[in-house]
Amino acid sequence: MSTSRPTATQPPMADPDASPAPAPAPITVPPFAVISGAQVQETLQGQEQQIMELIEATYDLHAAGESVNPPSYFLRFPDRPTARIIALPASIGGPARVDGLKWISSFPDNVQAGIPRASAVLILNDHDTGYPFACLESSIISATRTAAMAASAAHRLSRGRRTAPTRVGFFGTGLIARYIHTFLAATGWSFDEIGVHDISADSAAGFQGYLQATHATTRITVHDSPEELIRSSDLIVFATVADRPHVTDPAWFDHNPLVLHVSLRDLAPEILLASTNIVDDVEHCLKADTSPHLAEQLTGNRDFLAGTLHDVTSGRVALPQDRPVVFSPFGLGVLDLAVGKHVYEEAARTGRLHVVDGFFHELSRYG
């Protein structure tokens, strides 16, 4: 038997008339910028429709596998059991191409002192070098992406319902409720009635005043009891600081409302088991003793979940008309990155980026 040697493959001849390939762009360390909350708010104001579309596009990227979104880390304190600080690391592909971390604290006792419960910063990291290039005040970014997420779900989950929701109820009247109302109003929602309930009478009255200034001709009612609010609303927004379920009677939802369960821990598992449940991300929602997590622990399975919001919009999940629909979104770190990168690019485009000169002191490997 004879064998033949493989012949070497010759490289193709270079075309003497061809233009040389462009040299790769040098990798450099980006300058570091700080963006204040006032600048964030100024940038995002009036962009509700654009931000809602950005959030929807980011969810689509996440569903397509163009993101990395590890589990959030909860830092808790034995001496302050109601307080927590949460780290949300994430990476997003697509046009944004950015990595980063949201570091957000929740200290409910702040409210009694007259200051907001939540505070946050967002760090953006360069895709190519890993260097952080911006620190943004992020309580506004967090509220914005949460409100955009809720408004998007309200639009998408109400399609195909026999009657569109005309009565909205806000259970909890803090910053998140105000932002969700702003996004609903700015993206085309109008309501015949608006209901309000909060365990703090002062907070409920303050939110009522805000709504009256915005909706001069809409009937606005402060409800003394949770049951009154729920039974009188077609669209219910839960935006509380509850750390365990406090709404326990499935009969309150017999009129089959659409529920935006934004605060994640208000509803007893029995209510979820009597509803059609949609989440934004299954693995993230079934953690940290959220209501869906408690339902999983109670039943030992995930059969009570119909699917994700992306499953609904892509046609893989149809929503029945004869059950309440509950949307429980964990709120992914990639959403904060998308909004934060948008704010950064707007600040850079308009020449209002505040760069900290010399933030990175040593940029040579050998000094």
Protein backbone atom coordinates (compact mmCIF):
# COMPACT_ATOMS: atom_id res chain seq x y z
CA MET A 1 0.00 0.00 0.00
CA SER A 2 1.37 3.34 -0.92
CA THR A 3 0.77 6.55 0.94
CA SER A 4 1.00 10.08 -0.34
CA ARG A 5 2.22 13.07 1.53
CA PRO A 6 -0.23 15.91 2.04
CA THR A 7 0.71 18.91 -0.01
CA ALA A 8 1.20 22.23 1.67
CA THR A 9 -1.48 24.81 0.99
CA GLN A 10 -0.06 27.94 -0.54
CA PRO A 11 -1.36 31.28 0.73
CA PRO A 12 -3.29 33.23 -1.87
CA MET A 13 -1.34 35.84 -3.80
CA ALA A 14 -1.83 39.35 -2.52
CA ASP A 15 -3.62 41.72 -4.86
CA PRO A 16 -1.18 44.57 -5.47
CA ASP A 17 -4.08 46.93 -6.25
CA ALA A 18 -6.10 46.11 -3.12
CA SER A 19 -6.37 48.71 -0.36
CA PRO A 20 -4.59 47.73 2.84
CA ALA A 21 -6.81 46.47 5.64
CA PRO A 22 -7.48 49.16 8.22
CA ALA A 23 -5.44 48.83 11.38
CA PRO A 24 -7.44 47.84 14.45
CA ALA A 25 -8.31 50.75 16.68
CA PRO A 26 -5.94 50.99 19.65
CA ILE A 27 -7.37 49.93 22.99
CA THR A 28 -7.30 52.84 25.39
CA VAL A 29 -8.60 53.46 28.88
CA PRO A 30 -11.75 55.61 28.73
CA PRO A 31 -12.01 58.73 30.88
CA PHE A 32 -14.12 58.42 34.02
CA ALA A 33 -17.27 60.52 34.31
CA VAL A 34 -19.75 61.24 37.11
CA ILE A 35 -23.41 61.93 36.24
CA SER A 36 -25.61 63.42 38.94
CA GLY A 37 -29.24 62.64 39.67
CA ALA A 38 -30.27 66.09 38.43
CA GLN A 39 -28.54 65.41 35.11
CA VAL A 40 -30.11 61.94 34.88
CA GLN A 41 -33.59 63.35 35.46
CA GLU A 42 -33.10 66.18 32.99
CA THR A 43 -31.94 63.72 30.34
CA LEU A 44 -34.82 61.27 30.81
CA GLN A 45 -37.65 63.76 31.24
CA GLY A 46 -40.17 63.55 28.41
CA GLN A 47 -38.59 60.40 26.93
CA GLU A 48 -41.13 57.92 28.33
CA GLN A 49 -42.08 56.37 24.99
CA GLN A 50 -38.44 56.10 23.89
CA ILE A 51 -37.36 54.53 27.19
CA MET A 52 -40.25 52.05 27.13
CA GLU A 53 -39.14 50.95 23.65
CA LEU A 54 -35.54 50.71 24.88
CA ILE A 55 -36.66 48.44 27.74
CA GLU A 56 -38.62 46.24 25.33
CA ALA A 57 -35.60 45.95 23.02
CA THR A 58 -33.41 45.03 26.01
CA TYR A 59 -35.80 42.28 27.08
CA ASP A 60 -35.67 40.96 23.50
CA LEU A 61 -31.86 40.91 23.64
CA HIS A 62 -32.02 39.08 26.97
CA ALA A 63 -34.43 36.50 25.56
CA ALA A 64 -32.10 36.00 22.58
CA GLY A 65 -29.14 35.24 24.87
CA GLU A 66 -27.38 38.55 24.22
CA SER A 67 -26.90 39.31 27.90
CA VAL A 68 -25.32 38.04 31.08
CA ASN A 69 -27.47 38.59 34.17
CA PRO A 70 -26.25 36.66 37.23
CA PRO A 71 -28.37 36.36 40.37
CA SER A 72 -28.57 39.50 42.46
CA TYR A 73 -26.71 39.52 45.76
CA PHE A 74 -28.60 40.68 48.85
CA LEU A 75 -26.53 42.22 51.62
CA ARG A 76 -28.56 42.07 54.85
CA PHE A 77 -27.82 43.23 58.37
CA PRO A 78 -28.59 41.42 61.67
CA ASP A 79 -29.03 44.74 63.47
CA ARG A 80 -31.27 46.22 60.71
CA PRO A 81 -33.51 43.37 59.53
CA THR A 82 -35.72 45.51 57.29
CA ALA A 83 -32.78 47.04 55.42
CA ARG A 84 -30.81 45.61 52.52
CA ILE A 85 -28.36 46.60 49.82
CA ILE A 86 -28.57 44.71 46.54
CA ALA A 87 -25.84 44.22 43.93
CA LEU A 88 -27.06 43.61 40.38
CA PRO A 89 -24.15 42.79 38.04
CA ALA A 90 -24.94 42.46 34.35
CA SER A 91 -23.63 42.62 30.81
CA ILE A 92 -25.55 43.53 27.69
CA GLY A 93 -24.71 43.08 24.02
CA GLY A 94 -26.40 44.63 21.04
CA PRO A 95 -25.89 48.34 20.35
CA ALA A 96 -25.13 49.16 24.00
CA ARG A 97 -22.22 46.71 24.53
CA VAL A 98 -21.64 47.56 28.15
CA ASP A 99 -21.02 45.79 31.44
CA GLY A 100 -21.72 47.11 34.90
CA LEU A 101 -23.23 46.96 38.36
CA LYS A 102 -26.17 48.58 40.11
CA TRP A 103 -25.68 48.97 43.86
CA ILE A 104 -29.04 49.87 45.38
CA SER A 105 -30.02 50.17 49.02
CA SER A 106 -33.47 49.89 50.56
CA PHE A 107 -33.80 51.31 54.07
CA PRO A 108 -37.56 51.55 54.82
CA ASP A 109 -36.96 53.44 58.08
CA ASN A 110 -35.76 56.38 55.99
CA VAL A 111 -39.38 57.21 55.18
CA GLN A 112 -40.11 58.11 58.80
CA ALA A 113 -37.20 60.55 58.69
CA GLY A 114 -38.64 62.21 55.59
CA ILE A 115 -36.03 60.95 53.12
CA PRO A 116 -36.48 58.42 50.30
CA ARG A 117 -36.30 54.73 51.09
CA ALA A 118 -33.96 53.83 48.21
CA SER A 119 -30.63 55.18 47.01
CA ALA A 120 -28.40 53.80 44.29
CA VAL A 121 -25.40 54.19 42.03
CA LEU A 122 -24.74 52.56 38.68
CA ILE A 123 -21.23 51.75 37.47
CA LEU A 124 -20.68 51.31 33.72
CA ASN A 125 -17.66 49.30 32.55
CA ASP A 126 -16.00 49.53 29.17
CA HIS A 127 -16.67 46.50 26.95
CA ASP A 128 -13.08 46.24 25.66
CA THR A 129 -10.92 47.08 28.67
CA GLY A 130 -13.21 46.41 31.62
CA TYR A 131 -12.36 49.82 33.06
CA PRO A 132 -15.25 51.64 34.71
CA PHE A 133 -16.01 54.76 32.71
CA ALA A 134 -19.01 56.26 34.49
CA CYS A 135 -20.74 56.45 37.86
CA LEU A 136 -24.36 57.57 37.68
CA GLU A 137 -26.85 58.38 40.42
CA SER A 138 -29.24 55.51 39.87
CA SER A 139 -32.36 55.81 42.00
CA ILE A 140 -33.93 57.72 39.10
CA ILE A 141 -32.60 55.22 36.56
CA SER A 142 -33.99 52.38 38.68
CA ALA A 143 -37.39 54.05 39.02
CA THR A 144 -37.44 54.85 35.31
CA ARG A 145 -36.65 51.36 34.12
CA THR A 146 -39.16 49.90 36.61
CA ALA A 147 -41.88 52.24 35.39
CA ALA A 148 -41.06 51.60 31.74
CA MET A 149 -41.14 47.86 32.39
CA ALA A 150 -44.53 48.16 34.10
CA ALA A 151 -46.00 50.35 31.37
CA SER A 152 -44.76 47.97 28.69
CA ALA A 153 -46.36 45.03 30.50
CA ALA A 154 -49.63 46.94 30.89
CA HIS A 155 -49.74 47.59 27.15
CA ARG A 156 -48.74 44.10 26.10
CA LEU A 157 -50.82 42.12 28.61
CA SER A 158 -53.99 44.14 28.04
CA ARG A 159 -54.06 43.39 24.31
CA GLY A 160 -56.82 40.98 23.46
CA ARG A 161 -58.77 41.53 26.68
CA ARG A 162 -62.52 41.90 26.20
CA THR A 163 -62.44 45.39 27.68
CA ALA A 164 -59.45 47.63 28.19
CA PRO A 165 -58.76 48.60 31.82
CA THR A 166 -60.37 51.94 32.61
CA ARG A 167 -60.02 51.92 36.42
CA VAL A 168 -56.49 51.87 37.84
CA GLY A 169 -55.60 51.34 41.49
CA PHE A 170 -52.26 52.21 43.07
CA PHE A 171 -51.43 50.11 46.14
CA GLY A 172 -48.47 52.01 47.59
CA THR A 173 -47.87 55.65 46.74
CA GLY A 174 -44.13 56.29 46.77
CA LEU A 175 -41.64 57.23 44.07
CA ILE A 176 -42.19 54.05 42.03
CA ALA A 177 -45.97 54.57 41.94
CA ARG A 178 -45.47 58.13 40.74
CA TYR A 179 -43.08 57.04 37.99
CA ILE A 180 -45.38 54.23 36.86
CA HIS A 181 -48.29 56.66 36.66
CA THR A 182 -46.13 59.07 34.62
CA PHE A 183 -45.16 56.34 32.17
CA LEU A 184 -48.72 55.06 31.79
CA ALA A 185 -50.04 58.56 31.12
CA ALA A 186 -47.20 59.43 28.72
CA THR A 187 -47.60 56.25 26.66
CA GLY A 188 -51.29 56.60 25.90
CA TRP A 189 -53.24 55.35 28.92
CA SER A 190 -56.30 57.22 30.12
CA PHE A 191 -58.53 56.23 33.02
CA ASP A 192 -62.07 56.94 34.12
CA GLU A 193 -61.16 56.36 37.76
CA ILE A 194 -57.94 56.26 39.78
CA GLY A 195 -57.87 54.60 43.20
CA VAL A 196 -55.22 55.04 45.88
CA HIS A 197 -54.38 53.05 49.00
CA ASP A 198 -51.42 53.30 51.37
CA ILE A 199 -50.94 52.35 55.00
CA SER A 200 -49.73 55.93 55.51
CA ALA A 201 -52.63 58.38 55.29
CA ASP A 202 -50.19 61.23 54.64
CA SER A 203 -48.62 59.38 51.72
CA ALA A 204 -52.02 58.56 50.23
CA ALA A 205 -53.12 62.19 50.56
CA GLY A 206 -49.89 63.42 48.98
CA PHE A 207 -50.29 61.07 46.02
CA GLN A 208 -53.93 62.10 45.67
CA GLY A 209 -52.85 65.73 45.45
CA TYR A 210 -50.27 64.88 42.80
CA LEU A 211 -52.91 63.01 40.76
CA GLN A 212 -55.46 65.81 41.07
CA ALA A 213 -52.94 68.26 39.69
CA THR A 214 -52.38 65.94 36.74
CA HIS A 215 -55.95 64.69 36.11
CA ALA A 216 -58.29 67.58 36.81
CA THR A 217 -61.36 65.78 35.42
CA THR A 218 -60.69 62.20 36.60
CA ARG A 219 -62.36 60.83 39.71
CA ILE A 220 -59.67 60.03 42.28
CA THR A 221 -60.58 58.03 45.38
CA VAL A 222 -58.50 57.24 48.45
CA HIS A 223 -59.60 53.81 49.67
CA ASP A 224 -59.40 52.99 53.36
CA SER A 225 -59.05 49.24 52.80
CA PRO A 226 -57.02 47.09 50.42
CA GLU A 227 -60.14 45.14 49.47
CA GLU A 228 -61.96 48.29 48.34
CA LEU A 229 -59.05 49.32 46.12
CA ILE A 230 -58.61 45.88 44.54
CA ARG A 231 -62.30 45.20 43.87
CA SER A 232 -62.79 48.63 42.27
CA SER A 233 -59.78 48.43 39.89
CA ASP A 234 -59.30 46.79 36.49
CA LEU A 235 -55.55 47.48 36.56
CA ILE A 236 -53.82 47.23 39.93
CA VAL A 237 -50.28 48.47 40.57
CA PHE A 238 -48.53 47.08 43.66
CA ALA A 239 -45.61 49.36 44.53
CA THR A 240 -45.00 48.81 48.24
CA VAL A 241 -42.05 47.99 50.48
CA ALA A 242 -43.68 44.80 51.80
CA ASP A 243 -41.24 42.01 52.66
CA ARG A 244 -43.94 39.31 52.99
CA PRO A 245 -47.44 38.72 51.62
CA HIS A 246 -50.19 40.83 53.15
CA VAL A 247 -52.96 40.36 50.55
CA THR A 248 -54.29 36.86 51.06
CA ASP A 249 -57.87 36.49 49.75
CA PRO A 250 -58.20 35.27 46.13
CA ALA A 251 -61.88 36.33 46.13
CA TRP A 252 -60.83 39.98 46.00
CA PHE A 253 -59.64 39.28 42.42
CA ASP A 254 -62.83 37.57 41.18
CA HIS A 255 -63.33 40.32 38.59
CA ASN A 256 -60.13 39.13 36.81
CA PRO A 257 -58.04 42.32 36.85
CA LEU A 258 -54.61 42.86 35.34
CA VAL A 259 -52.13 43.08 38.23
CA LEU A 260 -48.69 44.70 37.98
CA HIS A 261 -47.05 43.06 40.99
CA VAL A 262 -44.00 45.30 40.83
CA SER A 263 -43.03 45.00 44.50
CA LEU A 264 -43.06 41.20 44.21
CA ARG A 265 -43.93 40.25 47.80
CA ASP A 266 -47.49 41.51 48.33
CA LEU A 267 -49.57 38.54 47.19
CA ALA A 268 -50.07 35.26 49.02
CA PRO A 269 -49.24 32.12 47.02
CA GLU A 270 -52.93 31.18 46.96
CA ILE A 271 -53.67 34.26 44.87
CA LEU A 272 -50.97 33.37 42.36
CA LEU A 273 -52.27 29.81 42.15
CA ALA A 274 -55.70 31.18 41.19
CA SER A 275 -54.21 33.48 38.50
CA THR A 276 -52.35 33.42 35.20
CA ASN A 277 -48.78 34.30 36.13
CA ILE A 278 -46.32 36.07 33.87
CA VAL A 279 -42.76 36.98 34.91
CA ASP A 280 -39.89 38.76 33.21
CA ASP A 281 -37.32 36.03 33.99
CA VAL A 282 -38.19 32.72 35.61
CA GLU A 283 -34.97 32.02 37.48
CA HIS A 284 -34.63 35.51 38.90
CA CYS A 285 -38.26 35.76 40.05
CA LEU A 286 -38.15 32.45 41.90
CA LYS A 287 -35.64 33.60 44.51
CA ALA A 288 -35.40 35.65 47.70
CA ASP A 289 -38.87 34.74 49.00
CA THR A 290 -40.80 36.63 46.36
CA SER A 291 -44.45 35.66 46.06
CA PRO A 292 -43.69 33.42 43.04
CA HIS A 293 -40.86 31.82 45.04
CA LEU A 294 -43.25 31.11 47.93
CA ALA A 295 -45.74 29.60 45.48
CA GLU A 296 -43.01 27.32 44.16
CA GLN A 297 -42.12 26.26 47.69
CA LEU A 298 -45.78 25.60 48.49
CA THR A 299 -46.48 23.48 45.41
CA GLY A 300 -43.06 21.96 44.80
CA ASN A 301 -43.21 22.90 41.10
CA ARG A 302 -43.42 25.79 38.67
CA ASP A 303 -46.60 24.75 36.90
CA PHE A 304 -48.36 27.91 38.09
CA LEU A 305 -46.16 30.02 35.77
CA ALA A 306 -47.63 30.55 32.30
CA GLY A 307 -44.39 32.03 30.93
CA THR A 308 -42.49 35.26 30.48
CA LEU A 309 -43.57 38.57 29.03
CA HIS A 310 -41.46 37.75 25.97
CA ASP A 311 -43.41 34.49 25.61
CA VAL A 312 -46.63 36.50 25.49
CA THR A 313 -45.40 39.03 22.95
CA SER A 314 -43.92 36.31 20.73
CA GLY A 315 -47.22 34.40 20.69
CA ARG A 316 -46.00 31.36 22.61
CA VAL A 317 -48.37 32.04 25.52
CA ALA A 318 -52.01 33.08 25.23
CA LEU A 319 -53.75 34.78 28.13
CA PRO A 320 -57.15 33.43 29.24
CA GLN A 321 -59.98 35.86 29.90
CA ASP A 322 -61.47 34.11 32.93
CA ARG A 323 -58.59 34.51 35.42
CA PRO A 324 -56.64 37.40 36.91
CA VAL A 325 -53.36 38.08 35.10
CA VAL A 326 -50.47 38.80 37.47
CA PHE A 327 -47.20 40.18 36.15
CA SER A 328 -44.35 39.74 38.66
CA PRO A 329 -41.15 41.32 37.32
CA PHE A 330 -37.86 40.94 39.14
CA GLY A 331 -36.35 43.80 37.18
CA LEU A 332 -33.09 42.77 35.56
CA GLY A 333 -29.75 44.52 35.87
CA VAL A 334 -29.49 44.68 32.08
CA LEU A 335 -32.38 47.17 32.09
CA ASP A 336 -30.41 49.54 34.32
CA LEU A 337 -27.40 49.19 32.05
CA ALA A 338 -29.44 50.02 28.96
CA VAL A 339 -30.96 53.15 30.51
CA GLY A 340 -27.65 54.18 32.10
CA LYS A 341 -25.76 53.84 28.82
CA HIS A 342 -28.48 55.91 27.11
CA VAL A 343 -28.07 58.68 29.70
CA TYR A 344 -24.28 58.58 29.35
CA GLU A 345 -24.44 58.83 25.55
CA GLU A 346 -26.89 61.73 25.74
CA ALA A 347 -24.62 63.58 28.16
CA ALA A 348 -21.61 62.97 25.91
CA ARG A 349 -23.52 64.00 22.78
CA THR A 350 -24.59 67.31 24.30
CA GLY A 351 -21.15 68.08 25.73
CA ARG A 352 -22.32 67.91 29.35
CA LEU A 353 -20.21 64.98 30.50
CA HIS A 354 -18.38 65.74 33.76
CA VAL A 355 -15.05 63.92 33.49
CA VAL A 356 -12.88 63.39 36.58
CA ASP A 357 -9.36 64.11 35.38
CA GLY A 358 -6.72 61.71 36.63
CA PHE A 359 -9.22 59.30 38.18
CA PHE A 360 -7.04 56.37 37.07
CA HIS A 361 -3.61 57.26 38.36
CA GLU A 362 -1.37 54.50 36.97
CA LEU A 363 -2.00 53.54 33.36
CA SER A 364 1.44 52.20 32.50
CA ARG A 365 2.23 48.62 33.43
CA TYR A 366 5.71 49.51 34.61
CA GLY A 367 5.15 52.93 36.12
